[in-house]
């Protein structure tokens, strides 16, 4: 691997790590003053979006698709289960974890699609 490719990979991993830590921080922070439940389904859309980004960024960082999906699934379960133990009112939800996992799978699939399109030679 060239020095330039190594630097890009390291940068991609740093971005993915920062995104992942941001996701955990958001999922564990005290709930907002205005509830996301006022807009039906918004909470699930946010969960999907956070983990979509996680899937794309960790694939870009070089992790394999199965590793990303399994890791995202573990992160989804851990963040949801631990919400019940936080000192502020957070409620664990299986639907949130499902949205997380679906978002990660969609992110991995999107990365795969764009990576394949990029790898094809111009006709």
N, C-alpha and C. Protein backbone atom coordinates (compact mmCIF):
# COMPACT_ATOMS: atom_id res chain seq x y z
N UNK A 1 0.84 -1.17 0.00
CA UNK A 1 0.00 0.00 0.00
C UNK A 1 0.89 1.24 0.00
N UNK A 2 0.55 2.20 -0.86
CA UNK A 2 1.35 3.41 -0.94
C UNK A 2 1.13 4.27 0.30
N UNK A 3 2.02 5.22 0.49
CA UNK A 3 1.91 6.12 1.64
C UNK A 3 0.63 6.95 1.54
N UNK A 4 0.29 7.34 0.33
CA UNK A 4 -0.94 8.13 0.13
C UNK A 4 -2.18 7.29 0.47
N UNK A 5 -2.20 6.04 0.03
CA UNK A 5 -3.34 5.16 0.32
C UNK A 5 -3.43 4.88 1.82
N UNK A 6 -2.29 4.72 2.46
CA UNK A 6 -2.26 4.48 3.90
C UNK A 6 -2.80 5.70 4.66
N UNK A 7 -2.43 6.88 4.22
CA UNK A 7 -2.92 8.11 4.84
C UNK A 7 -4.42 8.25 4.66
N UNK A 8 -4.92 7.92 3.45
CA UNK A 8 -6.37 7.99 3.20
C UNK A 8 -7.11 7.00 4.08
N UNK A 9 -6.57 5.79 4.22
CA UNK A 9 -7.21 4.77 5.05
C UNK A 9 -7.24 5.21 6.51
N UNK A 10 -6.13 5.76 6.99
CA UNK A 10 -6.08 6.24 8.37
C UNK A 10 -7.08 7.37 8.58
N UNK A 11 -7.16 8.28 7.64
CA UNK A 11 -8.12 9.38 7.73
C UNK A 11 -9.55 8.87 7.73
N UNK A 12 -9.83 7.89 6.87
CA UNK A 12 -11.18 7.31 6.81
C UNK A 12 -11.54 6.63 8.12
N UNK A 13 -10.59 5.95 8.73
CA UNK A 13 -10.85 5.29 10.01
C UNK A 13 -11.09 6.31 11.12
N UNK A 14 -10.36 7.41 11.09
CA UNK A 14 -10.56 8.45 12.08
C UNK A 14 -11.95 9.08 11.95
N UNK A 15 -12.37 9.34 10.72
CA UNK A 15 -13.71 9.90 10.48
C UNK A 15 -14.78 8.92 10.96
N UNK A 16 -14.62 7.64 10.64
CA UNK A 16 -15.59 6.62 11.06
C UNK A 16 -15.64 6.52 12.59
N UNK A 17 -14.50 6.58 13.23
CA UNK A 17 -14.46 6.51 14.70
C UNK A 17 -15.15 7.72 15.33
N UNK A 18 -14.88 8.90 14.80
CA UNK A 18 -15.51 10.12 15.32
C UNK A 18 -17.03 10.05 15.12
N UNK A 19 -17.46 9.59 13.94
CA UNK A 19 -18.90 9.44 13.68
C UNK A 19 -19.52 8.46 14.69
N UNK A 20 -18.86 7.33 14.90
CA UNK A 20 -19.37 6.30 15.81
C UNK A 20 -19.49 6.84 17.23
N UNK A 21 -18.48 7.56 17.69
CA UNK A 21 -18.52 8.14 19.03
C UNK A 21 -19.63 9.19 19.13
N UNK A 22 -19.83 9.93 18.05
CA UNK A 22 -20.92 10.91 18.02
C UNK A 22 -22.28 10.23 18.11
N UNK A 23 -22.44 9.11 17.41
CA UNK A 23 -23.70 8.35 17.47
C UNK A 23 -23.96 7.90 18.90
N UNK A 24 -22.97 7.32 19.54
CA UNK A 24 -23.13 6.85 20.92
C UNK A 24 -23.48 8.03 21.83
N UNK A 25 -22.79 9.15 21.66
CA UNK A 25 -23.06 10.33 22.50
C UNK A 25 -24.50 10.80 22.33
N UNK A 26 -24.98 10.85 21.10
CA UNK A 26 -26.35 11.29 20.85
C UNK A 26 -27.36 10.32 21.45
N UNK A 27 -27.09 9.03 21.31
CA UNK A 27 -28.03 8.03 21.81
C UNK A 27 -28.05 7.95 23.34
N UNK A 28 -26.98 8.41 23.99
CA UNK A 28 -26.91 8.35 25.45
C UNK A 28 -27.13 9.71 26.12
N UNK A 29 -27.22 10.77 25.35
CA UNK A 29 -27.38 12.09 25.96
C UNK A 29 -28.80 12.25 26.53
N UNK A 30 -28.97 13.22 27.43
CA UNK A 30 -30.32 13.47 27.94
C UNK A 30 -31.27 13.79 26.78
N UNK A 31 -32.52 13.39 26.90
CA UNK A 31 -33.46 13.64 25.80
C UNK A 31 -33.66 15.13 25.57
N UNK A 32 -33.99 15.51 24.34
CA UNK A 32 -34.20 16.94 24.05
C UNK A 32 -35.46 17.46 24.73
N UNK A 33 -35.53 18.78 24.86
CA UNK A 33 -36.70 19.41 25.48
C UNK A 33 -37.96 19.09 24.68
N UNK A 34 -37.86 19.19 23.36
CA UNK A 34 -38.99 18.85 22.51
C UNK A 34 -38.81 17.41 22.04
N UNK A 35 -39.82 16.63 22.20
CA UNK A 35 -39.74 15.21 21.91
C UNK A 35 -39.77 14.95 20.41
N UNK A 36 -38.95 13.99 19.98
CA UNK A 36 -38.98 13.59 18.57
C UNK A 36 -40.22 12.76 18.26
N UNK A 37 -40.97 12.37 19.30
CA UNK A 37 -42.18 11.59 19.06
C UNK A 37 -43.34 12.48 18.60
N UNK A 38 -43.15 13.81 18.64
CA UNK A 38 -44.18 14.71 18.14
C UNK A 38 -44.35 14.55 16.63
N UNK A 39 -43.30 14.16 15.95
CA UNK A 39 -43.37 13.85 14.52
C UNK A 39 -43.28 12.32 14.42
N UNK A 40 -44.38 11.68 14.01
CA UNK A 40 -44.40 10.21 13.98
C UNK A 40 -43.28 9.64 13.11
N UNK A 41 -42.54 8.72 13.69
CA UNK A 41 -41.48 8.03 12.96
C UNK A 41 -40.15 8.75 12.88
N UNK A 42 -40.08 9.99 13.34
CA UNK A 42 -38.83 10.75 13.23
C UNK A 42 -37.70 10.07 13.98
N UNK A 43 -37.99 9.52 15.15
CA UNK A 43 -36.97 8.83 15.94
C UNK A 43 -36.35 7.68 15.14
N UNK A 44 -37.19 6.92 14.46
CA UNK A 44 -36.68 5.78 13.67
C UNK A 44 -35.87 6.26 12.47
N UNK A 45 -36.30 7.36 11.85
CA UNK A 45 -35.55 7.93 10.72
C UNK A 45 -34.17 8.38 11.18
N UNK A 46 -34.11 9.00 12.35
CA UNK A 46 -32.81 9.45 12.89
C UNK A 46 -31.90 8.25 13.18
N UNK A 47 -32.45 7.22 13.80
CA UNK A 47 -31.65 6.02 14.08
C UNK A 47 -31.13 5.41 12.78
N UNK A 48 -31.99 5.27 11.78
CA UNK A 48 -31.60 4.72 10.48
C UNK A 48 -30.47 5.56 9.89
N UNK A 49 -30.63 6.88 9.93
CA UNK A 49 -29.64 7.78 9.33
C UNK A 49 -28.29 7.71 10.03
N UNK A 50 -28.30 7.70 11.37
CA UNK A 50 -27.04 7.60 12.11
C UNK A 50 -26.27 6.33 11.72
N UNK A 51 -26.97 5.22 11.64
CA UNK A 51 -26.30 3.95 11.37
C UNK A 51 -26.04 3.75 9.87
N UNK A 52 -26.79 4.43 9.00
CA UNK A 52 -26.47 4.44 7.57
C UNK A 52 -25.08 5.06 7.41
N UNK A 53 -24.88 6.21 8.06
CA UNK A 53 -23.57 6.87 8.01
C UNK A 53 -22.48 5.98 8.56
N UNK A 54 -22.78 5.30 9.66
CA UNK A 54 -21.82 4.39 10.26
C UNK A 54 -21.44 3.29 9.27
N UNK A 55 -22.42 2.71 8.59
CA UNK A 55 -22.15 1.64 7.62
C UNK A 55 -21.28 2.11 6.47
N UNK A 56 -21.61 3.28 5.92
CA UNK A 56 -20.83 3.83 4.80
C UNK A 56 -19.41 4.14 5.24
N UNK A 57 -19.28 4.82 6.37
CA UNK A 57 -17.95 5.27 6.80
C UNK A 57 -17.02 4.13 7.19
N UNK A 58 -17.55 3.10 7.87
CA UNK A 58 -16.68 1.98 8.23
C UNK A 58 -16.32 1.13 7.02
N UNK A 59 -17.20 1.05 6.02
CA UNK A 59 -16.82 0.35 4.77
C UNK A 59 -15.73 1.15 4.06
N UNK A 60 -15.90 2.47 4.02
CA UNK A 60 -14.89 3.33 3.39
C UNK A 60 -13.55 3.19 4.11
N UNK A 61 -13.61 2.95 5.41
CA UNK A 61 -12.39 2.80 6.21
C UNK A 61 -11.72 1.44 5.99
N UNK A 62 -12.39 0.54 5.25
CA UNK A 62 -11.76 -0.72 4.90
C UNK A 62 -12.26 -1.94 5.65
N UNK A 63 -13.22 -1.79 6.54
CA UNK A 63 -13.76 -2.98 7.23
C UNK A 63 -14.66 -3.75 6.27
N UNK A 64 -14.70 -5.06 6.44
CA UNK A 64 -15.53 -5.91 5.60
C UNK A 64 -17.01 -5.71 5.91
N UNK A 65 -17.88 -6.05 4.95
CA UNK A 65 -19.31 -5.81 5.15
C UNK A 65 -19.90 -6.58 6.34
N UNK A 66 -19.49 -7.82 6.52
CA UNK A 66 -20.02 -8.61 7.65
C UNK A 66 -19.55 -8.00 8.97
N UNK A 67 -18.30 -7.61 9.04
CA UNK A 67 -17.76 -6.98 10.24
C UNK A 67 -18.54 -5.72 10.59
N UNK A 68 -18.82 -4.89 9.58
CA UNK A 68 -19.55 -3.65 9.80
C UNK A 68 -20.97 -3.94 10.29
N UNK A 69 -21.65 -4.88 9.64
CA UNK A 69 -23.04 -5.18 10.00
C UNK A 69 -23.12 -5.80 11.40
N UNK A 70 -22.24 -6.74 11.69
CA UNK A 70 -22.25 -7.36 13.03
C UNK A 70 -21.87 -6.31 14.08
N UNK A 71 -20.86 -5.51 13.81
CA UNK A 71 -20.46 -4.47 14.76
C UNK A 71 -21.58 -3.46 14.99
N UNK A 72 -22.27 -3.08 13.93
CA UNK A 72 -23.39 -2.14 14.07
C UNK A 72 -24.52 -2.78 14.87
N UNK A 73 -24.76 -4.06 14.64
CA UNK A 73 -25.80 -4.76 15.40
C UNK A 73 -25.48 -4.81 16.89
N UNK A 74 -24.23 -5.09 17.20
CA UNK A 74 -23.80 -5.11 18.61
C UNK A 74 -23.93 -3.71 19.21
N UNK A 75 -23.48 -2.71 18.47
CA UNK A 75 -23.57 -1.33 18.97
C UNK A 75 -25.03 -0.94 19.18
N UNK A 76 -25.91 -1.32 18.26
CA UNK A 76 -27.34 -1.01 18.39
C UNK A 76 -27.92 -1.63 19.66
N UNK A 77 -27.61 -2.89 19.88
CA UNK A 77 -28.14 -3.59 21.06
C UNK A 77 -27.58 -2.99 22.35
N UNK A 78 -26.28 -2.75 22.37
CA UNK A 78 -25.65 -2.20 23.58
C UNK A 78 -26.20 -0.80 23.89
N UNK A 79 -26.30 0.05 22.88
CA UNK A 79 -26.79 1.41 23.15
C UNK A 79 -28.23 1.39 23.62
N UNK A 80 -29.05 0.51 23.07
CA UNK A 80 -30.45 0.44 23.50
C UNK A 80 -30.58 -0.14 24.91
N UNK A 81 -29.87 -1.22 25.18
CA UNK A 81 -29.97 -1.84 26.51
C UNK A 81 -29.46 -0.91 27.61
N UNK A 82 -28.39 -0.20 27.35
CA UNK A 82 -27.82 0.66 28.38
C UNK A 82 -28.64 1.93 28.61
N UNK A 83 -29.52 2.28 27.68
CA UNK A 83 -30.36 3.46 27.89
C UNK A 83 -31.23 3.31 29.14
N UNK A 84 -31.58 2.10 29.47
CA UNK A 84 -32.39 1.86 30.66
C UNK A 84 -31.64 2.11 31.97
N UNK A 85 -30.32 2.26 31.90
CA UNK A 85 -29.51 2.46 33.11
C UNK A 85 -28.95 3.87 33.23
N UNK A 86 -29.29 4.74 32.30
CA UNK A 86 -28.78 6.11 32.33
C UNK A 86 -29.51 6.90 33.42
N UNK A 87 -28.87 7.93 33.97
CA UNK A 87 -29.50 8.69 35.05
C UNK A 87 -30.63 9.62 34.58
N UNK A 88 -30.88 9.73 33.31
CA UNK A 88 -31.98 10.54 32.79
C UNK A 88 -32.94 9.63 32.04
N UNK A 89 -34.13 10.12 31.78
CA UNK A 89 -35.16 9.25 31.17
C UNK A 89 -34.88 8.92 29.71
N UNK A 90 -34.43 7.73 29.48
CA UNK A 90 -34.25 7.18 28.13
C UNK A 90 -34.90 5.81 28.15
N UNK A 91 -35.57 5.46 27.08
CA UNK A 91 -36.29 4.19 27.03
C UNK A 91 -35.70 3.30 25.94
N UNK A 92 -35.21 2.11 26.30
CA UNK A 92 -34.72 1.17 25.28
C UNK A 92 -35.86 0.76 24.35
N UNK A 93 -35.52 0.57 23.08
CA UNK A 93 -36.54 0.21 22.10
C UNK A 93 -35.98 -0.77 21.08
N UNK A 94 -36.68 -1.88 20.92
CA UNK A 94 -36.30 -2.84 19.89
C UNK A 94 -36.47 -2.26 18.50
N UNK A 95 -37.46 -1.38 18.32
CA UNK A 95 -37.64 -0.75 17.00
C UNK A 95 -36.46 0.16 16.66
N UNK A 96 -35.93 0.86 17.66
CA UNK A 96 -34.75 1.69 17.43
C UNK A 96 -33.57 0.83 17.00
N UNK A 97 -33.37 -0.29 17.68
CA UNK A 97 -32.27 -1.20 17.33
C UNK A 97 -32.46 -1.76 15.92
N UNK A 98 -33.70 -2.07 15.56
CA UNK A 98 -33.98 -2.58 14.20
C UNK A 98 -33.69 -1.50 13.16
N UNK A 99 -34.08 -0.25 13.45
CA UNK A 99 -33.79 0.85 12.52
C UNK A 99 -32.28 1.05 12.40
N UNK A 100 -31.56 0.90 13.51
CA UNK A 100 -30.10 1.00 13.49
C UNK A 100 -29.51 -0.05 12.54
N UNK A 101 -29.92 -1.27 12.73
CA UNK A 101 -29.38 -2.37 11.92
C UNK A 101 -29.73 -2.20 10.45
N UNK A 102 -30.98 -1.83 10.16
CA UNK A 102 -31.37 -1.60 8.76
C UNK A 102 -30.58 -0.46 8.14
N UNK A 103 -30.32 0.59 8.92
CA UNK A 103 -29.52 1.70 8.43
C UNK A 103 -28.10 1.26 8.09
N UNK A 104 -27.51 0.44 8.95
CA UNK A 104 -26.15 -0.05 8.70
C UNK A 104 -26.11 -0.93 7.46
N UNK A 105 -27.09 -1.81 7.30
CA UNK A 105 -27.15 -2.67 6.12
C UNK A 105 -27.30 -1.82 4.86
N UNK A 106 -28.18 -0.81 4.91
CA UNK A 106 -28.36 0.08 3.76
C UNK A 106 -27.08 0.85 3.45
N UNK A 107 -26.37 1.28 4.49
CA UNK A 107 -25.11 1.98 4.29
C UNK A 107 -24.05 1.10 3.64
N UNK A 108 -23.96 -0.14 4.10
CA UNK A 108 -23.00 -1.09 3.51
C UNK A 108 -23.38 -1.38 2.06
N UNK A 109 -24.67 -1.58 1.79
CA UNK A 109 -25.12 -1.86 0.42
C UNK A 109 -24.86 -0.66 -0.50
N UNK A 110 -25.09 0.53 0.01
CA UNK A 110 -24.84 1.74 -0.78
C UNK A 110 -23.36 1.88 -1.09
N UNK A 111 -22.53 1.65 -0.09
CA UNK A 111 -21.08 1.72 -0.31
C UNK A 111 -20.66 0.69 -1.37
N UNK A 112 -21.19 -0.52 -1.26
CA UNK A 112 -20.86 -1.58 -2.21
C UNK A 112 -21.26 -1.16 -3.63
N UNK A 113 -22.44 -0.61 -3.76
CA UNK A 113 -22.95 -0.20 -5.08
C UNK A 113 -22.05 0.87 -5.70
N UNK A 114 -21.70 1.87 -4.91
CA UNK A 114 -20.86 2.94 -5.44
C UNK A 114 -19.42 2.48 -5.67
N UNK A 115 -18.93 1.61 -4.84
CA UNK A 115 -17.56 1.09 -5.02
C UNK A 115 -17.48 0.27 -6.30
N UNK A 116 -18.51 -0.53 -6.57
CA UNK A 116 -18.54 -1.32 -7.82
C UNK A 116 -18.62 -0.42 -9.03
N UNK A 117 -19.46 0.62 -8.97
CA UNK A 117 -19.60 1.54 -10.10
C UNK A 117 -18.30 2.28 -10.35
N UNK A 118 -17.59 2.61 -9.29
CA UNK A 118 -16.31 3.32 -9.41
C UNK A 118 -15.23 2.42 -10.00
N UNK A 119 -15.31 1.13 -9.72
CA UNK A 119 -14.28 0.20 -10.17
C UNK A 119 -14.44 -0.18 -11.64
N UNK A 120 -15.64 0.01 -12.20
CA UNK A 120 -15.86 -0.33 -13.60
C UNK A 120 -15.11 0.64 -14.51
N UNK A 121 -14.45 0.09 -15.52
CA UNK A 121 -13.76 0.98 -16.46
C UNK A 121 -14.79 1.72 -17.33
N UNK A 122 -14.43 2.91 -17.73
CA UNK A 122 -15.29 3.71 -18.63
C UNK A 122 -15.40 3.00 -19.97
N UNK A 123 -16.59 3.00 -20.55
CA UNK A 123 -16.81 2.36 -21.84
C UNK A 123 -16.51 3.26 -22.99
